[in-house]
Amino acid sequence: MGDRLHLAIGVMGNAASLLLYAAPILTFARVMKKKSTEEFSCIPYIIALLNCLLYTWYGLPVVSYRWENFPVVTINGLGILLEISFILIYFCFTSPREKVQIKVVGIVVTVFTVFCITAVVSSFLFHDHHHRKLFVGSVGLVASVAMYGSPLVVVRQVILTKSVEFMPFYLSFFSFLTSLLWMAYGLLGHDLLLASPNLAGTPLGILQLVLYFKYRKRGIMEEPNKWDLERNDEKSKQLQPVINNDSDCKI
């Protein structure tokens, strides 16, 4: 019964993680449509990439005992592909004038450097699964807490503008759901290295949802005003030639 429940939670955790990693698809569809990254931050996706790299390595037989953490490998392997895709789209549509591209490249290089160092150290300095899991899991703990808290990068902007336009709901919701399920998976499997980062991720997810529901109405109310301004601008542009023609006639 315990093993079946553990497997079931792992499957649900995989499904929730898939939705979490796929949640930014709507955001990046908007980016490609507008051909601009606007005020969106790339930091959450870069940190998520580091998290996926570390936990894919954690679940492989090099670190874990055989395939005891196979569900961890499958979902994080898929997450690597999705996060790299999002980062590439962000890189293509961000403004080169603001030197954001250089910052993105610098952070991504740092992420791969951290992962490579972790993989090499765990492979050659530790010679048993227990110590390898302890080392990789500790590094993954930091990356997971950073990933679940990364949407908080825009919290200051949300509070100042009283708008959740640039804090996507689905990213916050699936972040909370994923951390809750993987916390249960880790506790049922007596794996504190999997459970502990999600103990921090769950309240961080709750905080993001509270902020979203607090300010979401303001974000919706401000949208018609934005359209009114755009329509007024269009009307003024249409009226301008008429005014110029009248003035020419008077002269």
C-alpha atoms as a PDB file:
ATOM      1  CA  MET A   1       0.000   0.000   0.000  1.00  0.00           C
ATOM      2  CA  GLY A   2       2.790   2.398   0.944  1.00  0.00           C
ATOM      3  CA  ASP A   3       4.720   1.704  -2.266  1.00  0.00           C
ATOM      4  CA  ARG A   4       1.614   2.165  -4.414  1.00  0.00           C
ATOM      5  CA  LEU A   5       0.805   5.472  -2.729  1.00  0.00           C
ATOM      6  CA  HIS A   6       4.416   6.583  -3.156  1.00  0.00           C
ATOM      7  CA  LEU A   7       4.275   5.728  -6.874  1.00  0.00           C
ATOM      8  CA  ALA A   8       0.895   7.448  -7.278  1.00  0.00           C
ATOM      9  CA  ILE A   9       2.183  10.638  -5.655  1.00  0.00           C
ATOM     10  CA  GLY A  10       5.238  10.448  -7.916  1.00  0.00           C
ATOM     11  CA  VAL A  11       3.017  10.224 -11.016  1.00  0.00           C
ATOM     12  CA  MET A  12       0.899  13.164  -9.834  1.00  0.00           C
ATOM     13  CA  GLY A  13       4.098  15.075  -9.040  1.00  0.00           C
ATOM     14  CA  ASN A  14       5.277  14.425 -12.591  1.00  0.00           C
ATOM     15  CA  ALA A  15       1.996  15.702 -14.006  1.00  0.00           C
ATOM     16  CA  ALA A  16       2.093  18.838 -11.839  1.00  0.00           C
ATOM     17  CA  SER A  17       5.738  19.465 -12.739  1.00  0.00           C
ATOM     18  CA  LEU A  18       4.912  19.105 -16.430  1.00  0.00           C
ATOM     19  CA  LEU A  19       2.203  21.739 -16.054  1.00  0.00           C
ATOM     20  CA  LEU A  20       4.633  23.962 -14.131  1.00  0.00           C
ATOM     21  CA  TYR A  21       7.325  23.706 -16.802  1.00  0.00           C
ATOM     22  CA  ALA A  22       4.744  24.172 -19.574  1.00  0.00           C
ATOM     23  CA  ALA A  23       2.950  27.107 -17.884  1.00  0.00           C
ATOM     24  CA  PRO A  24       5.219  29.760 -19.492  1.00  0.00           C
ATOM     25  CA  ILE A  25       4.088  28.641 -22.973  1.00  0.00           C
ATOM     26  CA  LEU A  26       1.266  31.222 -22.815  1.00  0.00           C
ATOM     27  CA  THR A  27       3.729  33.898 -21.703  1.00  0.00           C
ATOM     28  CA  PHE A  28       6.126  33.184 -24.535  1.00  0.00           C
ATOM     29  CA  ALA A  29       3.302  32.994 -27.070  1.00  0.00           C
ATOM     30  CA  ARG A  30       2.579  36.591 -26.068  1.00  0.00           C
ATOM     31  CA  VAL A  31       6.285  37.467 -26.331  1.00  0.00           C
ATOM     32  CA  MET A  32       6.476  36.062 -29.878  1.00  0.00           C
ATOM     33  CA  LYS A  33       3.227  37.784 -30.874  1.00  0.00           C
ATOM     34  CA  LYS A  34       4.384  41.177 -29.617  1.00  0.00           C
ATOM     35  CA  LYS A  35       8.035  40.516 -30.528  1.00  0.00           C
ATOM     36  CA  SER A  36       9.044  41.934 -27.159  1.00  0.00           C
ATOM     37  CA  THR A  37       9.791  40.525 -23.700  1.00  0.00           C
ATOM     38  CA  GLU A  38       8.227  43.640 -22.143  1.00  0.00           C
ATOM     39  CA  GLU A  39       8.722  43.567 -18.352  1.00  0.00           C
ATOM     40  CA  PHE A  40       8.981  39.780 -18.031  1.00  0.00           C
ATOM     41  CA  SER A  41      12.042  38.436 -16.233  1.00  0.00           C
ATOM     42  CA  CYS A  42      14.149  35.525 -17.513  1.00  0.00           C
ATOM     43  CA  ILE A  43      15.517  34.696 -14.057  1.00  0.00           C
ATOM     44  CA  PRO A  44      12.783  32.144 -13.100  1.00  0.00           C
ATOM     45  CA  TYR A  45      13.442  30.104 -16.247  1.00  0.00           C
ATOM     46  CA  ILE A  46      17.222  30.092 -15.825  1.00  0.00           C
ATOM     47  CA  ILE A  47      16.939  28.980 -12.198  1.00  0.00           C
ATOM     48  CA  ALA A  48      14.400  26.330 -13.229  1.00  0.00           C
ATOM     49  CA  LEU A  49      16.951  25.072 -15.779  1.00  0.00           C
ATOM     50  CA  LEU A  50      19.563  24.671 -13.040  1.00  0.00           C
ATOM     51  CA  ASN A  51      17.028  22.841 -10.871  1.00  0.00           C
ATOM     52  CA  CYS A  52      16.155  20.439 -13.718  1.00  0.00           C
ATOM     53  CA  LEU A  53      19.819  19.744 -14.501  1.00  0.00           C
ATOM     54  CA  LEU A  54      20.659  18.969 -10.877  1.00  0.00           C
ATOM     55  CA  TYR A  55      17.662  16.722 -10.201  1.00  0.00           C
ATOM     56  CA  THR A  56      18.066  14.841 -13.469  1.00  0.00           C
ATOM     57  CA  TRP A  57      21.604  14.061 -12.320  1.00  0.00           C
ATOM     58  CA  TYR A  58      20.313  13.253  -8.812  1.00  0.00           C
ATOM     59  CA  GLY A  59      17.862  10.661 -10.189  1.00  0.00           C
ATOM     60  CA  LEU A  60      20.343   8.884 -12.471  1.00  0.00           C
ATOM     61  CA  PRO A  61      21.974   5.622 -11.249  1.00  0.00           C
ATOM     62  CA  VAL A  62      25.303   7.451 -10.889  1.00  0.00           C
ATOM     63  CA  VAL A  63      23.932   9.244  -7.812  1.00  0.00           C
ATOM     64  CA  SER A  64      20.787   7.360  -6.771  1.00  0.00           C
ATOM     65  CA  TYR A  65      20.655   3.615  -6.205  1.00  0.00           C
ATOM     66  CA  ARG A  66      19.692   2.097  -9.569  1.00  0.00           C
ATOM     67  CA  TRP A  67      16.410   3.659 -10.795  1.00  0.00           C
ATOM     68  CA  GLU A  68      14.808   4.358  -7.426  1.00  0.00           C
ATOM     69  CA  ASN A  69      14.122   7.967  -8.516  1.00  0.00           C
ATOM     70  CA  PHE A  70      13.125   7.294 -12.125  1.00  0.00           C
ATOM     71  CA  PRO A  71      10.097   9.704 -12.003  1.00  0.00           C
ATOM     72  CA  VAL A  72      12.513  12.488 -11.006  1.00  0.00           C
ATOM     73  CA  VAL A  73      14.677  11.810 -14.082  1.00  0.00           C
ATOM     74  CA  THR A  74      11.827  11.758 -16.596  1.00  0.00           C
ATOM     75  CA  ILE A  75      10.134  15.027 -15.632  1.00  0.00           C
ATOM     76  CA  ASN A  76      13.321  16.994 -15.071  1.00  0.00           C
ATOM     77  CA  GLY A  77      14.774  15.751 -18.358  1.00  0.00           C
ATOM     78  CA  LEU A  78      11.712  17.135 -20.119  1.00  0.00           C
ATOM     79  CA  GLY A  79      12.013  20.306 -18.051  1.00  0.00           C
ATOM     80  CA  ILE A  80      15.544  20.867 -19.382  1.00  0.00           C
ATOM     81  CA  LEU A  81      14.245  20.911 -22.973  1.00  0.00           C
ATOM     82  CA  LEU A  82      11.377  23.278 -22.152  1.00  0.00           C
ATOM     83  CA  GLU A  83      13.458  25.731 -20.116  1.00  0.00           C
ATOM     84  CA  ILE A  84      16.173  25.917 -22.797  1.00  0.00           C
ATOM     85  CA  SER A  85      13.445  26.653 -25.374  1.00  0.00           C
ATOM     86  CA  PHE A  86      12.009  29.477 -23.235  1.00  0.00           C
ATOM     87  CA  ILE A  87      15.435  31.003 -22.632  1.00  0.00           C
ATOM     88  CA  LEU A  88      16.233  30.936 -26.365  1.00  0.00           C
ATOM     89  CA  ILE A  89      12.927  32.674 -27.192  1.00  0.00           C
ATOM     90  CA  TYR A  90      13.588  35.284 -24.500  1.00  0.00           C
ATOM     91  CA  PHE A  91      17.097  35.830 -25.864  1.00  0.00           C
ATOM     92  CA  CYS A  92      15.796  36.327 -29.415  1.00  0.00           C
ATOM     93  CA  PHE A  93      13.096  38.866 -28.534  1.00  0.00           C
ATOM     94  CA  THR A  94      14.766  40.882 -25.789  1.00  0.00           C
ATOM     95  CA  SER A  95      16.103  44.336 -26.609  1.00  0.00           C
ATOM     96  CA  PRO A  96      19.850  44.312 -27.450  1.00  0.00           C
ATOM     97  CA  ARG A  97      20.130  47.985 -26.441  1.00  0.00           C
ATOM     98  CA  GLU A  98      19.544  47.191 -22.771  1.00  0.00           C
ATOM     99  CA  LYS A  99      22.412  44.642 -22.717  1.00  0.00           C
ATOM    100  CA  VAL A 100      19.953  42.075 -21.356  1.00  0.00           C
ATOM    101  CA  GLN A 101      21.260  39.462 -23.775  1.00  0.00           C
ATOM    102  CA  ILE A 102      24.750  39.696 -22.268  1.00  0.00           C
ATOM    103  CA  LYS A 103      23.311  39.221 -18.775  1.00  0.00           C
ATOM    104  CA  VAL A 104      21.245  36.218 -19.895  1.00  0.00           C
ATOM    105  CA  VAL A 105      24.279  34.557 -21.479  1.00  0.00           C
ATOM    106  CA  GLY A 106      26.357  35.246 -18.362  1.00  0.00           C
ATOM    107  CA  ILE A 107      23.796  33.712 -16.009  1.00  0.00           C
ATOM    108  CA  VAL A 108      23.230  30.674 -18.255  1.00  0.00           C
ATOM    109  CA  VAL A 109      26.997  30.039 -18.444  1.00  0.00           C
ATOM    110  CA  THR A 110      27.130  30.269 -14.631  1.00  0.00           C
ATOM    111  CA  VAL A 111      24.288  27.730 -14.350  1.00  0.00           C
ATOM    112  CA  PHE A 112      26.045  25.183 -16.577  1.00  0.00           C
ATOM    113  CA  THR A 113      29.315  25.778 -14.719  1.00  0.00           C
ATOM    114  CA  VAL A 114      27.649  25.051 -11.361  1.00  0.00           C
ATOM    115  CA  PHE A 115      26.069  21.896 -12.773  1.00  0.00           C
ATOM    116  CA  CYS A 116      29.322  20.633 -14.311  1.00  0.00           C
ATOM    117  CA  ILE A 117      31.237  21.211 -11.072  1.00  0.00           C
ATOM    118  CA  THR A 118      28.517  19.402  -9.096  1.00  0.00           C
ATOM    119  CA  ALA A 119      28.545  16.439 -11.517  1.00  0.00           C
ATOM    120  CA  VAL A 120      32.350  16.124 -11.524  1.00  0.00           C
ATOM    121  CA  VAL A 121      32.710  16.437  -7.747  1.00  0.00           C
ATOM    122  CA  SER A 122      29.932  13.924  -7.046  1.00  0.00           C
ATOM    123  CA  SER A 123      31.386  11.433  -9.543  1.00  0.00           C
ATOM    124  CA  PHE A 124      35.050  11.498  -8.570  1.00  0.00           C
ATOM    125  CA  LEU A 125      35.281  12.690  -4.961  1.00  0.00           C
ATOM    126  CA  PHE A 126      32.489  10.515  -3.553  1.00  0.00           C
ATOM    127  CA  HIS A 127      32.479   6.754  -4.045  1.00  0.00           C
ATOM    128  CA  ASP A 128      29.091   5.664  -2.672  1.00  0.00           C
ATOM    129  CA  HIS A 129      25.476   6.533  -3.419  1.00  0.00           C
ATOM    130  CA  HIS A 130      24.717   7.896   0.039  1.00  0.00           C
ATOM    131  CA  HIS A 131      27.358  10.649  -0.049  1.00  0.00           C
ATOM    132  CA  ARG A 132      26.693  11.439  -3.709  1.00  0.00           C
ATOM    133  CA  LYS A 133      22.993  11.899  -2.969  1.00  0.00           C
ATOM    134  CA  LEU A 134      23.807  14.011   0.053  1.00  0.00           C
ATOM    135  CA  PHE A 135      26.086  16.317  -1.953  1.00  0.00           C
ATOM    136  CA  VAL A 136      23.934  16.666  -5.088  1.00  0.00           C
ATOM    137  CA  GLY A 137      20.764  16.900  -3.003  1.00  0.00           C
ATOM    138  CA  SER A 138      22.240  19.739  -0.923  1.00  0.00           C
ATOM    139  CA  VAL A 139      23.093  21.735  -4.048  1.00  0.00           C
ATOM    140  CA  GLY A 140      19.662  20.891  -5.478  1.00  0.00           C
ATOM    141  CA  LEU A 141      18.052  22.089  -2.246  1.00  0.00           C
ATOM    142  CA  VAL A 142      19.405  25.602  -2.812  1.00  0.00           C
ATOM    143  CA  ALA A 143      18.387  25.540  -6.502  1.00  0.00           C
ATOM    144  CA  SER A 144      14.857  24.329  -5.688  1.00  0.00           C
ATOM    145  CA  VAL A 145      14.224  26.998  -3.072  1.00  0.00           C
ATOM    146  CA  ALA A 146      15.513  29.605  -5.546  1.00  0.00           C
ATOM    147  CA  MET A 147      13.255  28.187  -8.290  1.00  0.00           C
ATOM    148  CA  TYR A 148      10.095  28.224  -6.182  1.00  0.00           C
ATOM    149  CA  GLY A 149      10.913  31.739  -4.968  1.00  0.00           C
ATOM    150  CA  SER A 150      12.097  33.121  -8.323  1.00  0.00           C
ATOM    151  CA  PRO A 151       8.658  34.504  -9.324  1.00  0.00           C
ATOM    152  CA  LEU A 152       9.022  36.719  -6.240  1.00  0.00           C
ATOM    153  CA  VAL A 153      11.477  38.751  -8.353  1.00  0.00           C
ATOM    154  CA  VAL A 154       8.446  40.631  -9.661  1.00  0.00           C
ATOM    155  CA  VAL A 155       6.711  40.919  -6.279  1.00  0.00           C
ATOM    156  CA  ARG A 156       8.055  44.434  -5.724  1.00  0.00           C
ATOM    157  CA  GLN A 157       6.711  45.450  -9.116  1.00  0.00           C
ATOM    158  CA  VAL A 158       3.342  43.836  -8.335  1.00  0.00           C
ATOM    159  CA  ILE A 159       3.055  45.736  -5.039  1.00  0.00           C
ATOM    160  CA  LEU A 160       4.150  49.082  -6.549  1.00  0.00           C
ATOM    161  CA  THR A 161       1.929  48.882  -9.638  1.00  0.00           C
ATOM    162  CA  LYS A 162      -0.869  46.957  -7.912  1.00  0.00           C
ATOM    163  CA  SER A 163      -1.033  44.810 -11.047  1.00  0.00           C
ATOM    164  CA  VAL A 164      -0.255  41.121 -11.618  1.00  0.00           C
ATOM    165  CA  GLU A 165       0.192  41.476 -15.384  1.00  0.00           C
ATOM    166  CA  PHE A 166       3.801  40.264 -15.256  1.00  0.00           C
ATOM    167  CA  MET A 167       3.324  37.593 -12.568  1.00  0.00           C
ATOM    168  CA  PRO A 168       1.529  34.770 -14.446  1.00  0.00           C
ATOM    169  CA  PHE A 169      -1.106  32.965 -12.386  1.00  0.00           C
ATOM    170  CA  TYR A 170      -0.420  29.476 -13.759  1.00  0.00           C
ATOM    171  CA  LEU A 171       3.290  29.728 -12.949  1.00  0.00           C
ATOM    172  CA  SER A 172       2.481  30.567  -9.315  1.00  0.00           C
ATOM    173  CA  PHE A 173      -0.310  27.989  -9.006  1.00  0.00           C
ATOM    174  CA  PHE A 174       1.607  25.052 -10.463  1.00  0.00           C
ATOM    175  CA  SER A 175       4.673  26.055  -8.460  1.00  0.00           C
ATOM    176  CA  PHE A 176       2.594  25.624  -5.296  1.00  0.00           C
ATOM    177  CA  LEU A 177       0.993  22.350  -6.460  1.00  0.00           C
ATOM    178  CA  THR A 178       4.311  20.855  -7.588  1.00  0.00           C
ATOM    179  CA  SER A 179       6.110  21.665  -4.347  1.00  0.00           C
ATOM    180  CA  LEU A 180       3.216  20.201  -2.324  1.00  0.00           C
ATOM    181  CA  LEU A 181       3.214  16.888  -4.224  1.00  0.00           C
ATOM    182  CA  TRP A 182       7.000  16.435  -4.286  1.00  0.00           C
ATOM    183  CA  MET A 183       7.123  17.197  -0.574  1.00  0.00           C
ATOM    184  CA  ALA A 184       4.672  14.331  -0.028  1.00  0.00           C
ATOM    185  CA  TYR A 185       6.683  12.097  -2.397  1.00  0.00           C
ATOM    186  CA  GLY A 186       9.909  12.771  -0.492  1.00  0.00           C
ATOM    187  CA  LEU A 187       8.323  12.203   2.914  1.00  0.00           C
ATOM    188  CA  LEU A 188       6.683   8.931   1.841  1.00  0.00           C
ATOM    189  CA  GLY A 189       9.988   7.701   0.407  1.00  0.00           C
ATOM    190  CA  HIS A 190      11.915   8.848   3.499  1.00  0.00           C
ATOM    191  CA  ASP A 191      14.050  11.062   1.234  1.00  0.00           C
ATOM    192  CA  LEU A 192      14.508  14.344   3.083  1.00  0.00           C
ATOM    193  CA  LEU A 193      16.712  15.723   0.300  1.00  0.00           C
ATOM    194  CA  LEU A 194      13.670  15.643  -2.003  1.00  0.00           C
ATOM    195  CA  ALA A 195      11.178  16.762   0.637  1.00  0.00           C
ATOM    196  CA  SER A 196      13.098  19.617   2.287  1.00  0.00           C
ATOM    197  CA  PRO A 197      13.252  22.102  -0.636  1.00  0.00           C
ATOM    198  CA  ASN A 198       9.522  21.649  -1.135  1.00  0.00           C
ATOM    199  CA  LEU A 199       8.891  22.444   2.522  1.00  0.00           C
ATOM    200  CA  ALA A 200      10.118  25.943   1.615  1.00  0.00           C
ATOM    201  CA  GLY A 201       8.492  25.925  -1.831  1.00  0.00           C
ATOM    202  CA  THR A 202       4.959  25.342  -0.529  1.00  0.00           C
ATOM    203  CA  PRO A 203       4.662  28.536   1.585  1.00  0.00           C
ATOM    204  CA  LEU A 204       6.395  30.547  -1.160  1.00  0.00           C
ATOM    205  CA  GLY A 205       3.771  29.307  -3.613  1.00  0.00           C
ATOM    206  CA  ILE A 206       1.006  30.277  -1.180  1.00  0.00           C
ATOM    207  CA  LEU A 207       2.489  33.790  -0.873  1.00  0.00           C
ATOM    208  CA  GLN A 208       2.477  34.231  -4.666  1.00  0.00           C
ATOM    209  CA  LEU A 209      -1.160  33.114  -4.881  1.00  0.00           C
ATOM    210  CA  VAL A 210      -2.184  35.493  -2.088  1.00  0.00           C
ATOM    211  CA  LEU A 211      -0.558  38.395  -3.934  1.00  0.00           C
ATOM    212  CA  TYR A 212      -2.200  37.365  -7.187  1.00  0.00           C
ATOM    213  CA  PHE A 213      -5.724  37.259  -5.745  1.00  0.00           C
ATOM    214  CA  LYS A 214      -5.141  40.499  -3.862  1.00  0.00           C
ATOM    215  CA  TYR A 215      -4.147  42.524  -6.937  1.00  0.00           C
ATOM    216  CA  ARG A 216      -5.744  40.650  -9.862  1.00  0.00           C
ATOM    217  CA  LYS A 217      -8.897  42.841  -9.983  1.00  0.00           C
ATOM    218  CA  ARG A 218      -6.825  45.981 -10.320  1.00  0.00           C
ATOM    219  CA  GLY A 219      -4.912  44.418 -13.193  1.00  0.00           C
ATOM    220  CA  ILE A 220      -8.187  43.629 -14.971  1.00  0.00           C
ATOM    221  CA  MET A 221      -9.672  47.057 -14.282  1.00  0.00           C
ATOM    222  CA  GLU A 222      -6.684  48.845 -15.709  1.00  0.00           C
ATOM    223  CA  GLU A 223      -6.910  47.031 -19.049  1.00  0.00           C
ATOM    224  CA  PRO A 224      -9.926  48.975 -20.482  1.00  0.00           C
ATOM    225  CA  ASN A 225      -8.175  52.252 -19.637  1.00  0.00           C
ATOM    226  CA  LYS A 226      -5.206  51.062 -21.633  1.00  0.00           C
ATOM    227  CA  TRP A 227      -7.439  50.323 -24.615  1.00  0.00           C
ATOM    228  CA  ASP A 228      -9.170  53.694 -24.254  1.00  0.00           C
ATOM    229  CA  LEU A 229      -5.833  55.453 -24.400  1.00  0.00           C
ATOM    230  CA  GLU A 230      -4.848  53.521 -27.511  1.00  0.00           C
ATOM    231  CA  ARG A 231      -8.164  54.320 -29.178  1.00  0.00           C
ATOM    232  CA  ASN A 232      -7.845  57.988 -28.275  1.00  0.00           C
ATOM    233  CA  ASP A 233      -4.369  58.032 -29.793  1.00  0.00           C
ATOM    234  CA  GLU A 234      -5.730  56.522 -32.996  1.00  0.00           C
ATOM    235  CA  LYS A 235      -8.547  59.096 -33.139  1.00  0.00           C
ATOM    236  CA  SER A 236      -6.125  61.968 -32.602  1.00  0.00           C
ATOM    237  CA  LYS A 237      -3.949  60.664 -35.428  1.00  0.00           C
ATOM    238  CA  GLN A 238      -6.992  60.472 -37.714  1.00  0.00           C
ATOM    239  CA  LEU A 239      -8.142  63.987 -36.791  1.00  0.00           C
ATOM    240  CA  GLN A 240      -4.703  65.544 -37.263  1.00  0.00           C
ATOM    241  CA  PRO A 241      -4.759  65.500 -41.121  1.00  0.00           C
ATOM    242  CA  VAL A 242      -8.272  67.016 -41.094  1.00  0.00           C
ATOM    243  CA  ILE A 243      -7.127  69.894 -38.872  1.00  0.00           C
ATOM    244  CA  ASN A 244      -4.099  70.476 -41.070  1.00  0.00           C
ATOM    245  CA  ASN A 245      -6.277  70.588 -44.195  1.00  0.00           C
ATOM    246  CA  ASP A 246      -8.641  73.129 -42.595  1.00  0.00           C
ATOM    247  CA  SER A 247      -5.731  75.338 -41.587  1.00  0.00           C
ATOM    248  CA  ASP A 248      -4.336  75.170 -45.138  1.00  0.00           C
ATOM    249  CA  CYS A 249      -7.673  76.278 -46.557  1.00  0.00           C
ATOM    250  CA  LYS A 250      -7.831  79.282 -44.230  1.00  0.00           C
ATOM    251  CA  ILE A 251      -4.352  80.357 -45.285  1.00  0.00           C
END
